[in-house]
Protein backbone atom coordinates (compact mmCIF):
# COMPACT_ATOMS: atom_id res chain seq x y z
CA UNK A 1 142.69 202.56 249.01
CA UNK A 2 146.32 201.42 249.12
CA UNK A 3 146.41 197.72 250.02
CA UNK A 4 146.19 197.14 253.77
CA UNK A 5 144.82 193.74 254.73
CA UNK A 6 143.93 192.27 258.08
CA UNK A 7 145.99 189.11 258.17
CA UNK A 8 143.38 187.35 260.32
CA UNK A 9 140.80 187.56 257.53
CA UNK A 10 140.72 185.70 254.25
CA UNK A 11 139.85 187.73 251.18
CA UNK A 12 138.19 185.36 248.67
CA UNK A 13 137.97 188.12 246.06
CA UNK A 14 141.74 188.00 245.56
CA UNK A 15 142.34 184.26 245.43
CA UNK A 16 145.37 182.27 244.36
CA UNK A 17 143.40 180.82 241.44
CA UNK A 18 142.22 184.29 240.39
CA UNK A 19 145.74 185.71 240.60
CA UNK A 20 147.22 182.91 238.48
CA UNK A 21 144.47 183.19 235.86
CA UNK A 22 144.76 186.97 235.91
CA UNK A 23 148.54 186.98 235.45
CA UNK A 24 148.41 184.55 232.51
CA UNK A 25 145.56 186.56 230.96
CA UNK A 26 147.41 189.82 231.63
CA UNK A 27 150.44 188.66 229.64
CA UNK A 28 148.31 187.59 226.69
CA UNK A 29 145.92 190.58 226.74
CA UNK A 30 148.70 193.13 227.18
CA UNK A 31 150.80 191.74 224.32
CA UNK A 32 147.76 191.58 222.04
CA UNK A 33 146.76 195.11 223.08
CA UNK A 34 150.13 196.46 221.98
CA UNK A 35 149.68 194.77 218.62
CA UNK A 36 146.07 195.93 218.25
CA UNK A 37 146.89 199.53 219.13
CA UNK A 38 149.75 199.67 216.65
CA UNK A 39 147.95 197.83 213.87
CA UNK A 40 144.50 199.39 214.12
CA UNK A 41 145.26 202.87 215.47
CA UNK A 42 142.78 202.17 218.27
CA UNK A 43 142.49 200.05 221.41
CA UNK A 44 139.03 198.50 221.88
CA UNK A 45 138.01 198.03 225.48
CA UNK A 46 139.02 194.61 226.85
CA UNK A 47 136.74 194.85 229.89
CA UNK A 48 133.79 192.75 228.72
CA UNK A 49 136.03 190.19 227.05
CA UNK A 50 138.17 189.74 230.18
CA UNK A 51 135.10 189.69 232.41
CA UNK A 52 133.55 186.77 230.48
CA UNK A 53 136.87 184.94 230.23
CA UNK A 54 137.61 185.34 233.96
CA UNK A 55 134.24 184.08 235.09
CA UNK A 56 134.32 181.18 232.63
CA UNK A 57 137.79 180.00 233.77
CA UNK A 58 136.98 180.43 237.48
CA UNK A 59 133.76 178.46 237.11
CA UNK A 60 135.66 175.70 235.38
CA UNK A 61 137.54 175.43 238.70
CA UNK A 62 134.32 175.31 240.65
CA UNK A 63 134.37 178.95 241.78
CA UNK A 64 131.36 181.20 241.24
CA UNK A 65 132.06 184.52 242.99
CA UNK A 66 131.32 187.47 240.71
CA UNK A 67 133.61 189.69 242.81
CA UNK A 68 136.44 187.22 242.38
CA UNK A 69 135.84 187.32 238.63
CA UNK A 70 135.82 191.12 238.77
CA UNK A 71 139.23 191.26 240.50
CA UNK A 72 140.63 188.64 238.15
CA UNK A 73 139.58 190.56 235.09
CA UNK A 74 141.09 193.74 236.53
CA UNK A 75 144.41 191.91 236.73
CA UNK A 76 143.91 190.80 233.15
CA UNK A 77 142.93 194.16 231.71
CA UNK A 78 145.10 196.64 233.63
CA UNK A 79 148.14 195.88 231.50
CA UNK A 80 146.27 196.84 228.36
CA UNK A 81 146.14 200.45 229.60
CA UNK A 82 149.91 200.49 229.94
CA UNK A 83 150.12 198.93 226.48
CA UNK A 84 147.92 201.66 225.01
CA UNK A 85 149.93 204.45 226.64
CA UNK A 86 153.20 203.08 225.22
CA UNK A 87 151.83 202.15 221.78
CA UNK A 88 150.17 205.52 221.31
CA UNK A 89 153.40 207.46 221.95
CA UNK A 90 156.77 205.63 221.84
CA UNK A 91 156.61 204.51 218.16
CA UNK A 92 156.69 208.18 217.24
CA UNK A 93 160.41 208.00 218.08
CA UNK A 94 160.91 205.47 215.29
CA UNK A 95 158.65 207.36 212.92
CA UNK A 96 161.00 210.35 213.27
CA UNK A 97 164.05 208.12 212.80
CA UNK A 98 165.27 208.51 216.40
CA UNK A 99 165.26 204.80 217.24
CA UNK A 100 168.96 204.63 218.00
CA UNK A 101 168.45 207.10 220.87
CA UNK A 102 166.04 204.95 222.92
CA UNK A 103 166.73 201.70 224.79
CA UNK A 104 164.48 199.07 226.31
CA UNK A 105 165.66 200.19 229.76
CA UNK A 106 164.39 203.73 229.11
CA UNK A 107 161.10 202.38 227.83
CA UNK A 108 160.73 200.24 230.96
CA UNK A 109 161.45 203.25 233.21
CA UNK A 110 158.83 205.24 231.31
CA UNK A 111 156.27 202.43 231.67
CA UNK A 112 156.97 202.06 235.42
CA UNK A 113 156.82 205.80 236.03
CA UNK A 114 153.45 206.10 234.28
CA UNK A 115 152.15 202.99 236.04
CA UNK A 116 153.06 204.22 239.54
CA UNK A 117 151.68 207.68 238.87
CA UNK A 118 148.45 206.14 237.59
CA UNK A 119 148.15 203.88 240.62
CA UNK A 120 148.53 206.79 243.02
CA UNK A 121 145.97 208.86 241.11
CA UNK A 122 143.56 205.92 241.05
CA UNK A 123 143.82 205.52 244.79
CA UNK A 124 143.13 209.20 245.34
CA UNK A 125 140.15 209.69 243.03
CA UNK A 126 138.34 206.34 242.96
CA UNK A 127 135.81 207.11 245.64
CA UNK A 128 135.02 210.61 244.39
CA UNK A 129 134.61 209.59 240.74
CA UNK A 130 132.96 206.20 241.18
CA UNK A 131 130.91 206.19 244.39
CA UNK A 132 130.08 209.85 245.00
CA UNK A 133 129.56 211.13 241.48
CA UNK A 134 126.79 210.59 238.97
CA UNK A 135 129.16 209.50 236.22
CA UNK A 136 127.74 206.66 234.14
CA UNK A 137 130.80 204.60 233.20
CA UNK A 138 128.89 202.74 230.49
CA UNK A 139 131.53 200.06 229.89
CA UNK A 140 131.78 199.26 233.60
CA UNK A 141 128.02 198.98 233.93
CA UNK A 142 127.84 196.73 230.86
CA UNK A 143 130.55 194.48 232.27
CA UNK A 144 128.71 194.17 235.55
CA UNK A 145 125.48 193.27 233.80
CA UNK A 146 127.35 190.76 231.64
CA UNK A 147 128.84 189.07 234.71
CA UNK A 148 125.45 188.92 236.35
CA UNK A 149 123.66 187.51 233.35
CA UNK A 150 126.32 185.21 231.93
CA UNK A 151 126.78 181.61 232.83
CA UNK A 152 130.18 181.91 231.15
CA UNK A 153 130.36 178.23 230.42
CA UNK A 154 129.13 175.73 227.85
CA UNK A 155 127.93 177.60 224.77
CA UNK A 156 129.60 180.86 225.81
CA UNK A 157 132.97 179.22 226.07
CA UNK A 158 132.59 177.52 222.73
CA UNK A 159 131.64 180.77 221.05
CA UNK A 160 134.51 182.68 222.61
CA UNK A 161 137.31 180.21 221.91
CA UNK A 162 135.82 179.06 218.60
CA UNK A 163 135.84 182.61 217.25
CA UNK A 164 139.38 183.16 218.60
CA UNK A 165 140.56 179.98 216.80
CA UNK A 166 138.87 181.03 213.56
CA UNK A 167 140.49 184.49 213.58
CA UNK A 168 143.82 182.99 214.55
CA UNK A 169 143.74 180.48 211.72
CA UNK A 170 142.67 183.20 209.29
CA UNK A 171 145.59 185.40 210.37
CA UNK A 172 148.09 182.53 210.04
CA UNK A 173 146.88 181.84 206.51
CA UNK A 174 147.20 185.53 205.63
CA UNK A 175 150.37 186.64 207.43
CA UNK A 176 152.43 183.43 207.80
CA UNK A 177 151.62 181.30 204.77
CA UNK A 178 150.51 184.16 202.48
CA UNK A 179 147.61 182.20 200.98
CA UNK A 180 145.15 184.99 201.71
CA UNK A 181 145.64 188.60 200.50
CA UNK A 182 145.99 191.41 203.00
CA UNK A 183 143.97 193.81 200.87
CA UNK A 184 140.88 193.13 198.75
CA UNK A 185 139.63 195.32 195.86
CA UNK A 186 142.85 197.32 195.91
CA UNK A 187 142.69 200.17 193.37
CA UNK A 188 145.63 202.38 192.25
CA UNK A 189 144.25 205.84 193.11
CA UNK A 190 147.00 208.52 193.54
CA UNK A 191 147.29 209.61 197.18
CA UNK A 192 144.59 207.16 198.40
CA UNK A 193 145.08 203.68 199.87
CA UNK A 194 141.82 202.25 198.53
CA UNK A 195 140.89 198.66 199.44
CA UNK A 196 139.26 196.39 202.01
CA UNK A 197 141.56 195.14 204.72
CA UNK A 198 141.21 191.37 205.13
CA UNK A 199 141.10 191.53 208.92
CA UNK A 200 138.64 189.85 211.34
CA UNK A 201 140.04 192.16 214.03
CA UNK A 202 139.13 195.36 212.22
CA UNK A 203 135.65 194.02 211.41
CA UNK A 204 135.24 193.27 215.09
CA UNK A 205 136.24 196.81 216.00
CA UNK A 206 133.44 198.09 213.79
CA UNK A 207 130.99 195.57 215.24
CA UNK A 208 131.83 196.50 218.85
CA UNK A 209 131.82 200.28 218.27
CA UNK A 210 128.88 200.27 215.85
CA UNK A 211 126.27 202.95 215.23
CA UNK A 212 126.89 206.66 214.73
CA UNK A 213 130.56 206.52 215.80
CA UNK A 214 131.33 204.32 212.77
CA UNK A 215 129.31 206.63 210.53
CA UNK A 216 131.48 209.56 211.61
CA UNK A 217 134.64 207.49 211.10
CA UNK A 218 133.50 206.66 207.56
CA UNK A 219 132.47 210.27 206.98
CA UNK A 220 135.91 211.45 208.00
CA UNK A 221 137.44 209.04 205.49
CA UNK A 222 135.26 210.38 202.72
CA UNK A 223 136.13 213.97 203.65
CA UNK A 224 139.85 213.35 203.77
CA UNK A 225 140.33 211.05 200.81
CA UNK A 226 137.60 211.95 198.31
CA UNK A 227 137.09 215.54 199.43
CA UNK A 228 140.55 216.94 200.19
CA UNK A 229 142.85 214.57 198.22
CA UNK A 230 140.81 213.54 195.22
CA UNK A 231 138.45 216.56 195.00
CA UNK A 232 141.08 219.17 195.82
CA UNK A 233 143.66 217.84 193.37
CA UNK A 234 141.06 217.45 190.64
CA UNK A 235 140.01 221.05 191.15
CA UNK A 236 143.64 222.18 190.89
CA UNK A 237 143.71 223.61 194.41
CA UNK A 238 146.87 221.68 195.39
CA UNK A 239 148.98 218.72 194.46
CA UNK A 240 148.81 215.25 196.02
CA UNK A 241 151.67 215.88 198.50
CA UNK A 242 150.04 219.10 199.74
CA UNK A 243 146.69 217.37 199.99
CA UNK A 244 148.16 214.58 202.11
CA UNK A 245 149.77 217.16 204.42
CA UNK A 246 146.41 218.90 204.83
CA UNK A 247 144.67 215.59 205.51
CA UNK A 248 147.10 214.56 208.25
CA UNK A 249 146.91 218.05 209.83
CA UNK A 250 143.10 218.11 209.76
CA UNK A 251 142.91 214.59 211.22
CA UNK A 252 145.27 215.44 214.05
CA UNK A 253 143.55 218.73 214.69
CA UNK A 254 140.12 217.16 214.94
CA UNK A 255 141.39 214.50 217.39
CA UNK A 256 143.19 217.05 219.52
CA UNK A 257 140.22 219.44 219.36
CA UNK A 258 137.99 216.63 220.57
CA UNK A 259 140.29 216.01 223.49
CA UNK A 260 140.32 219.70 224.34
CA UNK A 261 136.54 219.75 224.07
CA UNK A 262 136.40 217.07 226.73
CA UNK A 263 138.55 219.31 228.96
CA UNK A 264 136.65 222.55 228.39
CA UNK A 265 133.11 221.20 228.15
CA UNK A 266 132.99 218.20 230.49
CA UNK A 267 135.90 218.22 232.87
CA UNK A 268 136.88 221.71 233.98
CA UNK A 269 133.44 222.72 235.25
CA UNK A 270 132.96 219.58 237.34
CA UNK A 271 136.24 218.04 238.35
CA UNK A 272 137.15 220.62 240.97
CA UNK A 273 133.69 220.35 242.57
CA UNK A 274 134.11 216.58 242.84
CA UNK A 275 137.50 216.84 244.45
CA UNK A 276 136.40 219.59 246.82
CA UNK A 277 133.82 217.36 248.50
CA UNK A 278 134.64 215.91 251.91
CA UNK A 279 133.52 212.69 253.48
CA UNK A 280 132.06 212.44 256.97
CA UNK A 281 135.54 212.23 258.53
CA UNK A 282 136.85 215.23 256.67
CA UNK A 283 139.35 213.36 254.53
CA UNK A 284 139.35 213.21 250.73
CA UNK A 285 138.43 209.89 249.11
CA UNK A 286 138.79 206.65 251.03
CA UNK A 287 142.50 206.92 251.85
CA UNK A 288 143.57 205.97 255.38
CA UNK A 289 146.19 208.04 257.13
CA UNK A 290 148.47 204.97 257.19
CA UNK A 291 148.27 204.86 253.40
CA UNK A 292 149.76 208.29 252.97
CA UNK A 293 153.32 207.01 253.43
CA UNK A 294 152.89 204.33 250.75
CA UNK A 295 151.41 206.80 248.27
CA UNK A 296 154.12 209.32 249.07
CA UNK A 297 156.80 206.68 248.52
CA UNK A 298 155.28 205.84 245.11
CA UNK A 299 155.25 209.51 244.10
CA UNK A 300 158.88 209.87 245.27
CA UNK A 301 159.80 206.84 243.15
CA UNK A 302 158.14 208.42 240.11
CA UNK A 303 160.10 211.65 240.69
CA UNK A 304 163.42 209.76 241.03
CA UNK A 305 162.76 207.74 237.87
CA UNK A 306 161.71 210.78 235.84
CA UNK A 307 164.36 213.14 237.16
CA UNK A 308 167.42 210.89 237.30
CA UNK A 309 166.54 207.65 235.46
CA UNK A 310 165.25 209.47 232.38
CA UNK A 311 167.27 212.68 232.89
CA UNK A 312 164.35 215.08 232.52
CA UNK A 313 165.46 217.32 235.37
CA UNK A 314 163.71 218.59 238.54
CA UNK A 315 161.55 221.35 236.98
CA UNK A 316 160.16 219.06 234.26
CA UNK A 317 159.59 216.36 236.87
CA UNK A 318 157.46 218.69 238.99
CA UNK A 319 155.42 219.71 235.92
CA UNK A 320 154.91 216.07 234.89
CA UNK A 321 153.75 214.90 238.32
CA UNK A 322 151.53 217.93 238.96
CA UNK A 323 149.88 217.88 235.52
CA UNK A 324 149.73 214.10 235.73
CA UNK A 325 147.23 214.36 238.57
CA UNK A 326 145.17 216.97 236.71
CA UNK A 327 145.05 215.06 233.42
CA UNK A 328 144.14 211.84 235.25
CA UNK A 329 141.13 213.60 236.72
CA UNK A 330 140.28 214.73 233.20
CA UNK A 331 140.58 211.14 231.99
CA UNK A 332 138.32 209.80 234.71
CA UNK A 333 135.72 212.43 233.92
CA UNK A 334 135.85 211.70 230.18
CA UNK A 335 135.51 207.94 230.62
CA UNK A 336 132.73 208.31 233.13
CA UNK A 337 130.65 210.47 230.80
CA UNK A 338 131.47 209.20 227.34
CA UNK A 339 133.36 205.89 227.63
CA UNK A 340 136.19 207.51 225.63
CA UNK A 341 139.66 208.13 226.98
CA UNK A 342 141.85 210.28 224.68
CA UNK A 343 144.93 209.42 226.73
CA UNK A 344 147.42 210.47 224.07
CA UNK A 345 145.78 213.91 223.85
CA UNK A 346 146.34 214.40 227.56
CA UNK A 347 149.93 213.30 226.99
CA UNK A 348 150.25 215.93 224.27
CA UNK A 349 149.00 218.65 226.60
CA UNK A 350 151.69 217.88 229.16
CA UNK A 351 154.27 217.37 226.38
CA UNK A 352 153.65 220.93 225.15
CA UNK A 353 153.92 222.26 228.74
CA UNK A 354 157.28 220.54 229.21
CA UNK A 355 158.49 221.58 225.75
CA UNK A 356 157.80 225.18 226.75
CA UNK A 357 160.55 224.84 229.36
CA UNK A 358 163.07 224.35 226.55
CA UNK A 359 165.16 221.85 228.52
CA UNK A 360 164.40 218.54 226.75
CA UNK A 361 165.19 216.91 223.41
CA UNK A 362 162.70 215.22 221.10
CA UNK A 363 163.06 211.74 222.57
CA UNK A 364 162.44 213.08 226.09
CA UNK A 365 159.21 214.67 224.89
CA UNK A 366 157.95 211.27 223.76
CA UNK A 367 158.79 209.92 227.22
CA UNK A 368 156.70 212.71 228.79
CA UNK A 369 153.71 211.90 226.57
CA UNK A 370 154.02 208.19 227.31
CA UNK A 371 154.15 208.66 231.11
CA UNK A 372 151.02 210.78 231.10
CA UNK A 373 149.17 208.56 228.63
CA UNK A 374 149.84 205.51 230.82
CA UNK A 375 148.78 207.33 233.99
CA UNK A 376 145.58 208.56 232.32
CA UNK A 377 144.85 205.06 231.01
CA UNK A 378 145.06 203.54 234.47
CA UNK A 379 143.43 206.41 236.29
CA UNK A 380 140.62 206.78 233.74
CA UNK A 381 139.76 203.56 231.97
CA UNK A 382 140.28 201.32 234.98
CA UNK A 383 137.60 203.41 236.73
CA UNK A 384 135.17 201.42 234.65
CA UNK A 385 136.45 198.26 236.33
CA UNK A 386 135.88 199.93 239.69
CA UNK A 387 132.35 200.86 238.65
CA UNK A 388 131.77 197.19 237.90
CA UNK A 389 133.06 196.36 241.34
CA UNK A 390 130.82 198.93 242.99
CA UNK A 391 127.77 197.31 241.37
CA UNK A 392 128.92 193.83 242.37
CA UNK A 393 130.00 194.84 245.89
CA UNK A 394 133.69 194.08 245.41
CA UNK A 395 136.21 195.43 247.94
CA UNK A 396 138.02 198.55 246.62
CA UNK A 397 141.28 197.32 248.15
CA UNK A 398 141.08 194.00 246.36
CA UNK A 399 140.44 195.80 243.08
CA UNK A 400 143.35 198.23 243.67
CA UNK A 401 145.68 195.32 244.43
CA UNK A 402 144.54 193.58 241.26
CA UNK A 403 145.10 196.75 239.28
CA UNK A 404 148.59 197.23 240.73
CA UNK A 405 149.58 193.64 239.98
CA UNK A 406 148.24 193.71 236.42
CA UNK A 407 149.67 197.14 235.64
CA UNK A 408 153.18 196.36 236.84
CA UNK A 409 153.25 193.05 234.94
CA UNK A 410 151.77 194.86 231.94
CA UNK A 411 154.59 197.40 232.00
CA UNK A 412 157.19 194.66 231.48
CA UNK A 413 155.09 192.79 228.89
CA UNK A 414 154.37 195.96 226.89
CA UNK A 415 158.04 196.86 226.61
CA UNK A 416 158.97 193.29 225.73
CA UNK A 417 156.30 193.23 223.00
CA UNK A 418 157.48 196.51 221.50
CA UNK A 419 161.09 195.31 221.52
CA UNK A 420 159.97 192.04 219.84
CA UNK A 421 158.02 193.84 217.12
CA UNK A 422 160.90 196.17 216.39
CA UNK A 423 163.29 193.24 216.27
CA UNK A 424 161.02 191.35 213.90
CA UNK A 425 160.00 194.11 211.52
CA UNK A 426 162.40 196.98 212.11
CA UNK A 427 161.75 200.61 213.02
CA UNK A 428 160.62 201.40 209.47
CA UNK A 429 157.46 199.33 210.00
CA UNK A 430 155.81 202.08 212.06
CA UNK A 431 153.84 205.00 210.68
CA UNK A 432 151.07 205.89 208.19
CA UNK A 433 150.95 203.42 205.31
CA UNK A 434 153.32 200.99 207.05
CA UNK A 435 152.71 197.60 208.65
CA UNK A 436 151.87 199.25 211.97
CA UNK A 437 149.89 202.41 211.23
CA UNK A 438 150.50 203.78 214.76
CA UNK A 439 148.02 206.62 214.26
CA UNK A 440 148.23 208.16 217.71
CA UNK A 441 152.00 207.91 217.81
CA UNK A 442 152.10 209.66 214.43
CA UNK A 443 150.10 212.50 215.91
CA UNK A 444 152.56 212.81 218.77
CA UNK A 445 155.50 212.64 216.33
CA UNK A 446 154.04 215.38 214.22
CA UNK A 447 153.52 217.61 217.26
CA UNK A 448 157.14 217.03 218.24
CA UNK A 449 158.68 217.50 214.79
CA UNK A 450 156.37 220.15 213.34
CA UNK A 451 152.84 220.28 211.96
CA UNK A 452 152.62 219.77 208.14
CA UNK A 453 149.94 222.45 207.59
CA UNK A 454 149.49 224.79 210.49
CA UNK A 455 146.39 226.68 209.25
CA UNK A 456 144.53 223.41 208.56
CA UNK A 457 145.60 222.10 211.95
CA UNK A 458 144.42 225.22 213.79
CA UNK A 459 141.03 225.29 212.00
CA UNK A 460 140.56 221.58 212.72
CA UNK A 461 141.25 222.07 216.43
CA UNK A 462 138.50 224.72 216.57
CA UNK A 463 136.19 222.46 214.58
CA UNK A 464 136.90 219.54 216.91
CA UNK A 465 136.07 221.57 219.99
CA UNK A 466 132.85 222.89 218.44
CA UNK A 467 131.75 219.47 217.21
CA UNK A 468 132.41 217.84 220.58
CA UNK A 469 130.55 220.59 222.45
CA UNK A 470 127.65 220.02 220.01
CA UNK A 471 127.54 216.37 221.04
CA UNK A 472 129.14 214.96 217.88
CA UNK A 473 132.01 212.40 217.92
CA UNK A 474 134.81 214.59 216.59
CA UNK A 475 137.39 212.03 217.68
CA UNK A 476 135.96 209.42 215.33
CA UNK A 477 135.69 211.96 212.52
CA UNK A 478 139.34 212.87 212.94
CA UNK A 479 140.35 209.22 213.08
CA UNK A 480 138.60 208.65 209.76
CA UNK A 481 140.38 211.60 208.17
CA UNK A 482 143.78 210.50 209.47
CA UNK A 483 143.83 206.73 208.98
CA UNK A 484 144.44 205.06 205.60
CA UNK A 485 141.25 204.63 203.62
CA UNK A 486 141.44 200.80 203.56
CA UNK A 487 141.04 200.75 207.35
CA UNK A 488 138.18 203.25 207.25
CA UNK A 489 136.39 201.20 204.62
CA UNK A 490 136.74 197.95 206.56
CA UNK A 491 135.63 198.90 210.08
CA UNK A 492 132.26 200.26 208.95
CA UNK A 493 131.59 196.89 207.35
CA UNK A 494 131.71 195.47 210.86
CA UNK A 495 129.14 198.05 211.99
CA UNK A 496 126.97 197.06 208.99
CA UNK A 497 127.26 193.40 210.05
CA UNK A 498 126.08 194.38 213.51
CA UNK A 499 123.11 196.25 212.07
CA UNK A 500 122.05 193.21 210.04
CA UNK A 501 122.76 190.86 212.94
CA UNK A 502 120.62 192.87 215.34
CA UNK A 503 117.69 192.87 212.94
CA UNK A 504 117.89 189.19 212.11
CA UNK A 505 118.50 187.95 215.67
CA UNK A 506 116.54 190.56 217.64
CA UNK A 507 114.07 187.94 218.95
CA UNK A 508 116.78 185.79 220.48
CA UNK A 509 117.17 186.68 224.18
CA UNK A 510 120.97 186.38 224.28
CA UNK A 511 121.79 187.82 220.86
CA UNK A 512 123.58 190.88 222.26
CA UNK A 513 125.86 188.86 224.55
CA UNK A 514 126.57 186.40 221.74
CA UNK A 515 127.56 189.18 219.36
CA UNK A 516 129.94 190.74 221.93
CA UNK A 517 131.49 187.36 222.77
CA UNK A 518 132.09 186.35 219.12
CA UNK A 519 133.41 189.80 218.14
CA UNK A 520 135.73 189.87 221.15
CA UNK A 521 137.01 186.41 220.28
CA UNK A 522 137.72 187.42 216.69
CA UNK A 523 139.55 190.52 217.84
CA UNK A 524 141.57 188.62 220.43
CA UNK A 525 142.41 185.75 218.06
CA UNK A 526 144.03 187.89 215.36
CA UNK A 527 145.88 190.16 217.79
CA UNK A 528 147.31 187.22 219.74
CA UNK A 529 148.42 185.42 216.58
CA UNK A 530 150.04 188.62 215.35
CA UNK A 531 152.24 188.74 218.45
CA UNK A 532 153.08 185.02 218.11
CA UNK A 533 154.10 185.44 214.46
CA UNK A 534 156.34 188.36 215.45
CA UNK A 535 157.97 186.20 218.17
CA UNK A 536 158.57 183.39 215.67
CA UNK A 537 160.11 185.88 213.23
CA UNK A 538 162.58 187.01 215.90
CA UNK A 539 163.47 183.43 216.90
CA UNK A 540 163.93 182.37 213.27
């Protein structure tokens, strides 16, 4: 699946117009994804948003190919996976106060190493996990249906850009002019950040996720804040500081247990069987023999970057590359079955393996986690884009080329955005209770520096595995326990809005598409404005 085109044939799926639109969109989506991941502690899927936007812009130019829109949206969205991998790991360096030990060059090398590793893994597993398996890839299927059903013009465009403008204006009034408060109904409760976050983006996250997942997120918030902190301190079991340590340990344990549950319950029994299958010509996947040299060169580049560019050494490099392939398979399996990609959990697994070698410092361990998280993001989440392409009949090579282009551009944009945010707000702005909550990076930082309450963490891991195997969203429960309460009170309001919206508008034939479009616009508007305000702060 490495790009190899017949120069005598024109490939309309990968057009000049689509590439230009995709690159511009990639820059914007990647930068906003970094901001969203840091601010919200989560990265909502951009696939449907970029699918609608790509088709709408291409049709404005008189082009109507769904496959062309599919490739264009892959270029747009691939960078967001790199953004997530970096945002979920690297800020942990600043949370631990190690910011002076990392440079933008090192971050760029990390981003490129993870990107190249993810591209190789995607090429190797795409056919097995998309075409020859029974994995559902719900987001990819939804994007394909959206592209088929949407006219992506007229009313759709007005809804999308209108909601983006509204959220952007709201964010400017709140963050730039200060005429709107950031928190509503803020109450001074010891150890609890009670309030409603005045954020269209967080409401949109709740609207898009919806349902039982939000209920478990809210339930986790009640357990952590009113059960452990408020209830435990009132009963005299511990003080506020101890309660907060227990809460963070339980939250991390539940999230990591959920990730391990994916590995034990869903991935391990099936991944090897999928890879063991052969096609009619006896070769794995859809890789041509002439592609082997290109893939081998990319792997060699990763090894050189990791070993010499980042100074991790040959043994650690071998472990990273080998486990990178395995965790990418895990990621593809998880996304295909659940639509969830705990990429930072897979990064933690490899981080612990490398740490066991005893040859790396703390900053290097964050680099390891980031490389794996990026590779798993590309090799797992982008599989949904390939599922969309399979339904639409898009060429796998065109999709791979789009992914490669978007991911490489996204690597540079992600690093530039992180550097900009650090320059604007400082390294102290990252971590629980700060401007950028950086929930996943905080988990990684805690694993690197030491777990606050080991017994609580161990019990939560077991609970996370059991809950996941029982079919319950332990990841969302852990997120609710870990995140500040004001975030966990706000997102469920978005889910409540969706519940009311579905009941009121259920007779309208396009009410589902309209809801997704408006929510995606609100999310994109605030995140984009957040990056712009940070840029202005640096320039000023």
